[in-house]
Protein backbone atom coordinates (compact mmCIF):
# COMPACT_ATOMS: atom_id res chain seq x y z
CA MET A 1 0.00 0.00 0.00
CA ALA A 2 1.41 3.36 -0.99
CA LEU A 3 1.09 6.78 0.57
CA THR A 4 -1.33 7.69 -2.20
CA ASP A 5 -3.90 5.82 -0.13
CA ILE A 6 -4.58 8.86 2.02
CA LYS A 7 -5.75 11.09 -0.85
CA VAL A 8 -5.53 14.44 0.87
CA ARG A 9 -4.59 17.13 -1.65
CA SER A 10 -0.79 17.02 -1.89
CA ALA A 11 -0.47 20.78 -2.23
CA LYS A 12 -2.29 21.27 1.05
CA SER A 13 -1.85 18.15 3.17
CA GLN A 14 1.68 18.96 4.20
CA GLU A 15 0.56 22.35 5.55
CA LYS A 16 -2.16 20.98 7.77
CA GLU A 17 -2.02 20.24 11.42
CA TYR A 18 -3.75 16.99 12.14
CA THR A 19 -5.10 14.76 14.85
CA LEU A 20 -5.95 11.08 14.75
CA VAL A 21 -9.43 10.65 16.21
CA ASP A 22 -11.46 7.55 16.90
CA GLY A 23 -15.09 7.83 15.92
CA ASP A 24 -16.25 4.31 15.14
CA GLY A 25 -13.10 3.79 13.10
CA MET A 26 -10.04 6.01 12.81
CA PHE A 27 -10.16 9.35 11.06
CA LEU A 28 -7.61 11.97 10.21
CA LEU A 29 -8.97 15.30 11.49
CA ILE A 30 -7.42 18.11 9.49
CA HIS A 31 -7.55 21.62 10.90
CA PRO A 32 -7.27 24.64 11.64
CA ASN A 33 -9.23 26.38 8.84
CA GLY A 34 -12.32 24.25 9.04
CA SER A 35 -12.07 20.71 10.27
CA LYS A 36 -12.20 17.94 7.70
CA LEU A 37 -12.60 14.29 8.58
CA VAL A 38 -10.77 11.82 6.35
CA PRO A 39 -11.59 8.16 7.03
CA LEU A 40 -8.48 6.01 7.32
CA SER A 41 -7.83 2.50 6.13
CA ARG A 42 -5.87 0.16 8.38
CA GLN A 43 -2.87 0.63 6.09
CA ALA A 44 -3.05 4.44 6.12
CA LEU A 45 -3.37 4.49 9.90
CA ALA A 46 -0.23 2.35 10.26
CA ILE A 47 1.69 4.68 7.92
CA LEU A 48 0.51 7.82 9.72
CA LYS A 49 1.54 6.36 13.07
CA GLN A 50 4.99 5.61 11.64
CA PHE A 51 5.24 9.14 10.24
CA HIS A 52 4.19 10.57 13.59
CA ASN A 53 6.97 8.62 15.33
CA LEU A 54 9.56 9.58 12.69
CA SER A 55 8.64 13.26 12.67
CA GLY A 56 9.32 13.66 16.37
CA GLU A 57 5.58 13.99 16.92
CA ARG A 58 5.42 17.32 15.08
CA ASP A 59 2.13 18.93 14.17
CA PHE A 60 2.37 18.32 10.42
CA VAL A 61 1.61 15.19 8.45
CA PHE A 62 4.67 15.70 6.24
CA VAL A 63 7.48 17.75 7.75
CA SER A 64 10.24 19.51 5.86
CA ASP A 65 13.59 17.73 5.78
CA HIS A 66 15.29 21.14 6.09
CA ASN A 67 13.28 22.47 9.03
CA PRO A 68 11.15 20.05 11.08
CA ARG A 69 9.00 22.94 12.31
CA LYS A 70 7.79 23.62 8.77
CA PRO A 71 5.69 21.57 6.36
CA MET A 72 7.13 19.71 3.41
CA SER A 73 7.11 21.67 0.15
CA GLU A 74 4.34 20.85 -2.30
CA ASN A 75 7.07 20.21 -4.89
CA THR A 76 8.71 17.41 -2.87
CA VAL A 77 6.54 14.62 -4.31
CA ASN A 78 7.27 15.63 -7.90
CA LYS A 79 10.97 16.03 -7.09
CA ALA A 80 11.03 12.50 -5.63
CA LEU A 81 9.34 11.16 -8.76
CA ARG A 82 11.96 12.86 -10.95
CA VAL A 83 14.75 11.34 -8.80
CA MET A 84 13.15 7.95 -9.56
CA SER A 85 13.47 8.80 -13.29
CA TYR A 86 9.82 9.65 -13.93
CA ASP A 87 9.07 12.57 -16.21
CA THR A 88 6.49 14.51 -14.17
CA LYS A 89 5.20 16.23 -17.30
CA VAL A 90 4.63 12.96 -19.20
CA ASP A 91 4.68 9.84 -16.98
CA VAL A 92 3.18 10.73 -13.62
CA CYS A 93 2.99 13.66 -11.23
CA GLY A 94 1.87 14.06 -7.63
CA HIS A 95 -1.61 15.26 -8.59
CA GLY A 96 -1.90 12.35 -11.03
CA PHE A 97 -2.31 9.97 -8.09
CA ARG A 98 -5.55 11.78 -7.19
CA THR A 99 -6.74 11.44 -10.78
CA MET A 100 -5.91 7.73 -10.74
CA ALA A 101 -7.72 7.23 -7.44
CA CYS A 102 -10.84 9.11 -8.54
CA SER A 103 -11.03 7.25 -11.86
CA SER A 104 -10.42 3.86 -10.25
CA LEU A 105 -13.04 4.37 -7.54
CA ILE A 106 -15.66 5.38 -10.12
CA GLU A 107 -14.61 2.58 -12.51
CA SER A 108 -15.04 -0.06 -9.80
CA GLY A 109 -18.79 0.58 -9.89
CA LEU A 110 -18.99 0.16 -6.12
CA TRP A 111 -19.14 3.74 -4.87
CA SER A 112 -21.51 6.63 -5.37
CA ARG A 113 -20.15 9.60 -7.29
CA ASP A 114 -21.14 11.82 -4.37
CA ALA A 115 -18.93 9.85 -1.95
CA VAL A 116 -16.00 9.84 -4.38
CA GLU A 117 -16.35 13.57 -5.07
CA ARG A 118 -16.59 14.36 -1.35
CA GLN A 119 -13.45 12.31 -0.68
CA MET A 120 -11.63 14.23 -3.40
CA SER A 121 -12.87 17.54 -1.92
CA HIS A 122 -14.49 18.44 -5.22
CA MET A 123 -17.20 21.08 -5.07
CA GLU A 124 -20.61 20.54 -6.67
CA ARG A 125 -20.83 22.69 -9.80
CA ASN A 126 -24.63 22.73 -9.91
CA SER A 127 -25.48 25.48 -7.42
CA MET A 128 -29.04 24.23 -6.91
CA ARG A 129 -27.84 20.71 -6.06
CA ALA A 130 -24.99 22.10 -3.93
CA ALA A 131 -27.51 23.93 -1.74
CA TYR A 132 -29.05 20.59 -0.77
CA ILE A 133 -26.04 18.28 -0.49
CA HIS A 134 -23.28 20.52 0.91
CA LYS A 135 -23.57 19.02 4.41
CA ALA A 136 -23.47 15.38 3.29
CA GLU A 137 -20.16 13.77 4.31
CA HIS A 138 -20.82 10.13 3.28
CA LEU A 139 -18.45 9.02 6.07
CA ASP A 140 -19.63 5.41 6.28
CA GLU A 141 -19.33 4.87 2.53
CA ARG A 142 -16.01 6.72 2.39
CA ARG A 143 -14.61 4.55 5.21
CA LEU A 144 -15.49 1.39 3.26
CA MET A 145 -14.29 2.95 0.02
CA LEU A 146 -10.86 3.88 1.40
CA GLN A 147 -10.35 0.44 2.91
CA TRP A 148 -11.25 -1.04 -0.49
CA TRP A 149 -8.77 1.37 -2.15
CA ALA A 150 -5.95 0.39 0.23
CA ASP A 151 -6.67 -3.30 -0.36
CA TYR A 152 -6.75 -2.65 -4.13
CA LEU A 153 -3.33 -0.97 -3.96
CA ASP A 154 -1.98 -3.88 -1.91
CA ILE A 155 -3.15 -6.51 -4.41
CA ASN A 156 -1.69 -4.49 -7.30
CA ARG A 157 1.76 -4.73 -5.73
CA VAL A 158 1.56 -8.46 -6.43
CA LYS A 159 -0.59 -8.71 -9.55
CA GLY A 160 -2.02 -6.02 -11.82
CA ILE A 161 -5.81 -6.03 -11.74
CA SER A 162 -8.35 -3.45 -12.90
CA PRO A 163 -10.63 -1.72 -10.38
CA PHE A 164 -13.65 -3.30 -12.09
CA ASP A 165 -12.22 -6.83 -11.84
CA PHE A 166 -11.12 -6.28 -8.23
CA ALA A 167 -14.65 -5.10 -7.40
CA LYS A 168 -16.08 -8.30 -8.95
CA LEU A 169 -13.67 -10.44 -6.91
CA ASN A 170 -14.72 -8.77 -3.68
CA ALA A 171 -18.43 -9.08 -4.52
CA SER A 172 -18.16 -12.87 -4.63
């Protein structure tokens, strides 16, 4: 399972203070400018606990390697990809992991678009619909969805399988 499991916007996640909270399953509570609950898979929780131990229990999810009191730069993920010989303009970029996650979750056929869009922090473009659904968090579905995503990433480390086929396997 990779760090892309968490799916908090890379340009913002490193700047956020966070708390792990238990509310019928673990969540990442991101604050200060408006709290946001992000359901955590078992795999993501284990990684966050490791990060917390490695970071000296700092307030940021991803700390800077130059100054542990500051957040990691939003360019760090793309720089790491380039060090691994990926062309971030052609092959893959940090934001591309969000695109892959969104597409895969929709392609699986298991999850409502509303839950996927809420997880991705996408805003409803239809203002009339937004007025009625803006409070919906879909936490139960998102918790199941993110555990499915983490399990999907794990299985793809061993054998490549499409989201649709993985969904069919889990339905049986």
